[in-house]
PDB file of N, CA and C in Angstrom:
ATOM      1  N   MET A   1      94.558  91.923  99.663  1.00  0.00           N
ATOM      2  CA  MET A   1      94.357  92.224 101.316  1.00  0.00           C
ATOM      3  C   MET A   1      93.727  93.297 101.413  1.00  0.00           C
ATOM      4  N   GLU A   2      94.636  94.590 101.152  1.00  0.00           N
ATOM      5  CA  GLU A   2      94.454  95.808 101.055  1.00  0.00           C
ATOM      6  C   GLU A   2      92.705  96.221 101.462  1.00  0.00           C
ATOM      7  N   GLN A   3      92.262  95.640  99.921  1.00  0.00           N
ATOM      8  CA  GLN A   3      90.927  96.039  99.520  1.00  0.00           C
ATOM      9  C   GLN A   3      90.119  95.218 100.618  1.00  0.00           C
ATOM     10  N   SER A   4      90.454  94.679 101.553  1.00  0.00           N
ATOM     11  CA  SER A   4      89.681  94.012 102.462  1.00  0.00           C
ATOM     12  C   SER A   4      89.985  94.494 103.695  1.00  0.00           C
ATOM     13  N   GLY A   5      90.520  95.428 103.760  1.00  0.00           N
ATOM     14  CA  GLY A   5      91.023  96.080 105.171  1.00  0.00           C
ATOM     15  C   GLY A   5      91.686  95.082 106.105  1.00  0.00           C
ATOM     16  N   LEU A   6      92.739  94.145 105.506  1.00  0.00           N
ATOM     17  CA  LEU A   6      93.202  93.553 106.307  1.00  0.00           C
ATOM     18  C   LEU A   6      94.699  93.803 106.224  1.00  0.00           C
ATOM     19  N   GLY A   7      95.576  93.460 107.204  1.00  0.00           N
ATOM     20  CA  GLY A   7      96.663  93.842 107.439  1.00  0.00           C
ATOM     21  C   GLY A   7      97.758  92.721 107.545  1.00  0.00           C
ATOM     22  N   VAL A   8      98.892  92.688 107.375  1.00  0.00           N
ATOM     23  CA  VAL A   8     100.091  91.710 107.686  1.00  0.00           C
ATOM     24  C   VAL A   8      99.896  90.793 108.865  1.00  0.00           C
ATOM     25  N   ARG A   9      99.445  91.393 109.352  1.00  0.00           N
ATOM     26  CA  ARG A   9      99.499  90.908 110.993  1.00  0.00           C
ATOM     27  C   ARG A   9      97.970  90.162 111.490  1.00  0.00           C
ATOM     28  N   ASP A  10      96.902  90.058 110.618  1.00  0.00           N
ATOM     29  CA  ASP A  10      95.412  89.885 110.304  1.00  0.00           C
ATOM     30  C   ASP A  10      96.080  88.423 109.893  1.00  0.00           C
ATOM     31  N   LEU A  11      97.141  87.742 108.971  1.00  0.00           N
ATOM     32  CA  LEU A  11      97.275  86.314 108.618  1.00  0.00           C
ATOM     33  C   LEU A  11      97.901  85.371 109.827  1.00  0.00           C
ATOM     34  N   VAL A  12      98.802  86.464 110.833  1.00  0.00           N
ATOM     35  CA  VAL A  12      99.104  85.213 111.754  1.00  0.00           C
ATOM     36  C   VAL A  12      98.296  84.476 112.339  1.00  0.00           C
ATOM     37  N   PRO A  13      97.320  84.432 112.600  1.00  0.00           N
ATOM     38  CA  PRO A  13      96.571  83.143 113.044  1.00  0.00           C
ATOM     39  C   PRO A  13      96.287  82.226 111.941  1.00  0.00           C
ATOM     40  N   TYR A  14      96.701  82.352 111.068  1.00  0.00           N
ATOM     41  CA  TYR A  14      96.404  81.625 109.596  1.00  0.00           C
ATOM     42  C   TYR A  14      98.034  80.773 109.128  1.00  0.00           C
ATOM     43  N   ILE A  15      98.760  82.072 109.480  1.00  0.00           N
ATOM     44  CA  ILE A  15     100.029  81.212 108.576  1.00  0.00           C
ATOM     45  C   ILE A  15     101.507  81.058 109.525  1.00  0.00           C
ATOM     46  N   GLY A  16     101.278  81.720 110.755  1.00  0.00           N
ATOM     47  CA  GLY A  16     101.882  81.775 111.787  1.00  0.00           C
ATOM     48  C   GLY A  16     102.595  83.096 111.851  1.00  0.00           C
ATOM     49  N   PRO A  17     103.969  82.796 112.515  1.00  0.00           N
ATOM     50  CA  PRO A  17     104.665  83.780 113.361  1.00  0.00           C
ATOM     51  C   PRO A  17     104.555  85.255 112.041  1.00  0.00           C
ATOM     52  N   LEU A  18     104.869  86.434 112.586  1.00  0.00           N
ATOM     53  CA  LEU A  18     104.897  87.426 111.606  1.00  0.00           C
ATOM     54  C   LEU A  18     106.146  87.215 110.425  1.00  0.00           C
ATOM     55  N   ASN A  19     107.115  86.647 110.621  1.00  0.00           N
ATOM     56  CA  ASN A  19     108.147  86.410 109.995  1.00  0.00           C
ATOM     57  C   ASN A  19     107.864  85.685 108.784  1.00  0.00           C
ATOM     58  N   ARG A  20     107.095  84.856 109.110  1.00  0.00           N
ATOM     59  CA  ARG A  20     106.879  83.281 108.269  1.00  0.00           C
ATOM     60  C   ARG A  20     105.590  84.477 107.399  1.00  0.00           C
ATOM     61  N   VAL A  21     104.890  85.109 107.578  1.00  0.00           N
ATOM     62  CA  VAL A  21     103.844  85.755 107.235  1.00  0.00           C
ATOM     63  C   VAL A  21     104.655  86.550 106.399  1.00  0.00           C
ATOM     64  N   TYR A  22     105.372  87.273 106.285  1.00  0.00           N
ATOM     65  CA  TYR A  22     106.102  87.711 105.136  1.00  0.00           C
ATOM     66  C   TYR A  22     106.873  87.258 104.202  1.00  0.00           C
ATOM     67  N   GLU A  23     107.582  85.558 104.623  1.00  0.00           N
ATOM     68  CA  GLU A  23     108.243  85.080 103.530  1.00  0.00           C
ATOM     69  C   GLU A  23     107.083  84.620 102.458  1.00  0.00           C
ATOM     70  N   VAL A  24     106.385  84.203 103.121  1.00  0.00           N
ATOM     71  CA  VAL A  24     104.986  83.665 102.593  1.00  0.00           C
ATOM     72  C   VAL A  24     104.563  84.722 101.712  1.00  0.00           C
ATOM     73  N   LEU A  25     104.172  85.998 102.037  1.00  0.00           N
ATOM     74  CA  LEU A  25     103.913  86.883 101.094  1.00  0.00           C
ATOM     75  C   LEU A  25     104.722  87.219  99.777  1.00  0.00           C
ATOM     76  N   ALA A  26     106.657  87.301 100.076  1.00  0.00           N
ATOM     77  CA  ALA A  26     107.127  87.900  99.571  1.00  0.00           C
ATOM     78  C   ALA A  26     107.874  86.102  98.395  1.00  0.00           C
ATOM     79  N   ARG A  27     106.635  84.833  98.750  1.00  0.00           N
ATOM     80  CA  ARG A  27     107.492  83.959  98.013  1.00  0.00           C
ATOM     81  C   ARG A  27     108.780  83.510  98.153  1.00  0.00           C
ATOM     82  N   LYS A  28     108.865  83.287  99.618  1.00  0.00           N
ATOM     83  CA  LYS A  28     110.378  83.161  99.903  1.00  0.00           C
ATOM     84  C   LYS A  28     110.126  81.603 100.628  1.00  0.00           C
ATOM     85  N   ARG A  29     108.871  81.618 100.722  1.00  0.00           N
ATOM     86  CA  ARG A  29     108.359  79.757 101.743  1.00  0.00           C
ATOM     87  C   ARG A  29     107.002  79.427 100.968  1.00  0.00           C
ATOM     88  N   PRO A  30     106.976  78.463 100.417  1.00  0.00           N
ATOM     89  CA  PRO A  30     105.390  77.799 100.450  1.00  0.00           C
ATOM     90  C   PRO A  30     104.573  77.841 101.217  1.00  0.00           C
ATOM     91  N   LEU A  31     103.049  77.784 101.107  1.00  0.00           N
ATOM     92  CA  LEU A  31     102.193  77.677 101.499  1.00  0.00           C
ATOM     93  C   LEU A  31     101.922  75.973 101.694  1.00  0.00           C
ATOM     94  N   THR A  32     101.822  75.946 103.490  1.00  0.00           N
ATOM     95  CA  THR A  32     101.877  74.474 103.936  1.00  0.00           C
ATOM     96  C   THR A  32     100.501  73.930 103.789  1.00  0.00           C
ATOM     97  N   LEU A  33     100.126  72.403 103.564  1.00  0.00           N
ATOM     98  CA  LEU A  33      98.853  71.998 103.865  1.00  0.00           C
ATOM     99  C   LEU A  33      98.100  73.015 105.180  1.00  0.00           C
ATOM    100  N   HIS A  34      98.769  73.020 106.297  1.00  0.00           N
ATOM    101  CA  HIS A  34      97.917  73.474 107.306  1.00  0.00           C
ATOM    102  C   HIS A  34      97.802  74.798 106.994  1.00  0.00           C
ATOM    103  N   MET A  35      98.324  75.829 106.959  1.00  0.00           N
ATOM    104  CA  MET A  35      98.301  76.811 106.163  1.00  0.00           C
ATOM    105  C   MET A  35      97.245  77.109 105.472  1.00  0.00           C
ATOM    106  N   ILE A  36      97.078  76.475 104.491  1.00  0.00           N
ATOM    107  CA  ILE A  36      96.299  76.034 103.525  1.00  0.00           C
ATOM    108  C   ILE A  36      94.874  75.731 103.682  1.00  0.00           C
ATOM    109  N   ARG A  37      94.661  74.858 105.024  1.00  0.00           N
ATOM    110  CA  ARG A  37      93.473  74.562 105.328  1.00  0.00           C
ATOM    111  C   ARG A  37      92.742  75.876 106.253  1.00  0.00           C
ATOM    112  N   ARG A  38      94.066  76.148 107.361  1.00  0.00           N
ATOM    113  CA  ARG A  38      93.353  77.437 107.918  1.00  0.00           C
ATOM    114  C   ARG A  38      93.199  78.426 107.464  1.00  0.00           C
ATOM    115  N   LEU A  39      93.670  79.185 106.149  1.00  0.00           N
ATOM    116  CA  LEU A  39      93.175  80.225 105.088  1.00  0.00           C
ATOM    117  C   LEU A  39      91.500  79.457 105.186  1.00  0.00           C
ATOM    118  N   ASN A  40      91.526  78.703 104.269  1.00  0.00           N
ATOM    119  CA  ASN A  40      90.675  77.881 103.621  1.00  0.00           C
ATOM    120  C   ASN A  40      89.283  78.639 104.788  1.00  0.00           C
ATOM    121  N   LYS A  41      89.209  77.805 106.150  1.00  0.00           N
ATOM    122  CA  LYS A  41      88.605  77.664 106.752  1.00  0.00           C
ATOM    123  C   LYS A  41      88.367  79.138 107.479  1.00  0.00           C
ATOM    124  N   GLY A  42      89.233  79.833 107.991  1.00  0.00           N
ATOM    125  CA  GLY A  42      88.812  81.036 108.495  1.00  0.00           C
ATOM    126  C   GLY A  42      88.868  82.153 107.923  1.00  0.00           C
ATOM    127  N   MET A  43      89.277  82.053 106.282  1.00  0.00           N
ATOM    128  CA  MET A  43      88.569  83.372 105.847  1.00  0.00           C
ATOM    129  C   MET A  43      88.095  82.689 104.904  1.00  0.00           C
ATOM    130  N   GLY A  44      87.783  81.856 104.434  1.00  0.00           N
ATOM    131  CA  GLY A  44      87.076  81.261 103.267  1.00  0.00           C
ATOM    132  C   GLY A  44      87.686  81.385 101.874  1.00  0.00           C
ATOM    133  N   ILE A  45      89.079  81.114 101.622  1.00  0.00           N
ATOM    134  CA  ILE A  45      89.495  81.421 100.904  1.00  0.00           C
ATOM    135  C   ILE A  45      89.404  80.116 100.272  1.00  0.00           C
ATOM    136  N   PRO A  46      89.342  80.081  98.933  1.00  0.00           N
ATOM    137  CA  PRO A  46      88.956  78.612  98.570  1.00  0.00           C
ATOM    138  C   PRO A  46      90.195  77.638  98.396  1.00  0.00           C
ATOM    139  N   ALA A  47      90.171  76.451  98.842  1.00  0.00           N
ATOM    140  CA  ALA A  47      91.623  76.048  98.925  1.00  0.00           C
ATOM    141  C   ALA A  47      92.035  75.619  97.394  1.00  0.00           C
ATOM    142  N   ASP A  48      91.375  75.224  96.215  1.00  0.00           N
ATOM    143  CA  ASP A  48      91.912  74.880  94.624  1.00  0.00           C
ATOM    144  C   ASP A  48      92.603  76.408  94.869  1.00  0.00           C
ATOM    145  N   VAL A  49      92.052  77.872  95.169  1.00  0.00           N
ATOM    146  CA  VAL A  49      93.025  78.837  94.425  1.00  0.00           C
ATOM    147  C   VAL A  49      93.988  79.037  95.160  1.00  0.00           C
ATOM    148  N   LEU A  50      94.361  78.631  96.466  1.00  0.00           N
ATOM    149  CA  LEU A  50      95.363  78.579  97.403  1.00  0.00           C
ATOM    150  C   LEU A  50      96.560  77.150  96.910  1.00  0.00           C
ATOM    151  N   ILE A  51      95.840  76.220  96.916  1.00  0.00           N
ATOM    152  CA  ILE A  51      96.614  75.166  95.969  1.00  0.00           C
ATOM    153  C   ILE A  51      97.356  74.762  94.580  1.00  0.00           C
ATOM    154  N   GLY A  52      96.262  76.229  93.809  1.00  0.00           N
ATOM    155  CA  GLY A  52      96.970  76.324  92.170  1.00  0.00           C
ATOM    156  C   GLY A  52      97.588  77.592  92.104  1.00  0.00           C
ATOM    157  N   GLN A  53      98.297  78.103  93.269  1.00  0.00           N
ATOM    158  CA  GLN A  53      99.227  79.347  93.505  1.00  0.00           C
ATOM    159  C   GLN A  53     100.388  78.586  93.698  1.00  0.00           C
ATOM    160  N   GLU A  54     100.332  77.326  94.896  1.00  0.00           N
ATOM    161  CA  GLU A  54     101.402  76.757  94.883  1.00  0.00           C
ATOM    162  C   GLU A  54     101.936  76.002  93.671  1.00  0.00           C
ATOM    163  N   GLN A  55     100.924  74.988  92.573  1.00  0.00           N
ATOM    164  CA  GLN A  55     101.089  74.340  91.363  1.00  0.00           C
ATOM    165  C   GLN A  55     102.398  75.108  90.857  1.00  0.00           C
ATOM    166  N   ASP A  56     101.432  76.631  90.603  1.00  0.00           N
ATOM    167  CA  ASP A  56     102.055  77.783  89.150  1.00  0.00           C
ATOM    168  C   ASP A  56     103.369  77.991  89.615  1.00  0.00           C
ATOM    169  N   GLU A  57     103.643  78.174  91.056  1.00  0.00           N
ATOM    170  CA  GLU A  57     104.946  78.488  91.663  1.00  0.00           C
ATOM    171  C   GLU A  57     106.302  77.654  91.271  1.00  0.00           C
ATOM    172  N   ALA A  58     105.610  75.989  91.556  1.00  0.00           N
ATOM    173  CA  ALA A  58     106.659  75.136  91.679  1.00  0.00           C
ATOM    174  C   ALA A  58     106.698  74.545  90.191  1.00  0.00           C
ATOM    175  N   MET A  59     105.868  75.240  89.150  1.00  0.00           N
ATOM    176  CA  MET A  59     105.894  74.774  87.626  1.00  0.00           C
ATOM    177  C   MET A  59     107.082  75.967  87.353  1.00  0.00           C
ATOM    178  N   ALA A  60     106.963  76.957  87.891  1.00  0.00           N
ATOM    179  CA  ALA A  60     107.805  77.835  87.472  1.00  0.00           C
ATOM    180  C   ALA A  60     109.502  78.007  88.051  1.00  0.00           C
ATOM    181  N   ALA A  61     109.775  77.144  88.855  1.00  0.00           N
ATOM    182  CA  ALA A  61     110.952  76.907  89.380  1.00  0.00           C
ATOM    183  C   ALA A  61     111.756  75.946  88.962  1.00  0.00           C
TER     184      ALA A  61
END
């Protein structure tokens, strides 16, 4: 994220309120389908990459 010049506040349009962004980044809250779609469309992050991260975390739990 830092390499792209993005800050935490830049994720608000895609994830939601700032506190939710921090929870997602800290892996305290999973990405929702809606968040994945917005990140995919708005930032060009492949959905399968975002979904893969969620599946990996679910398997580890």
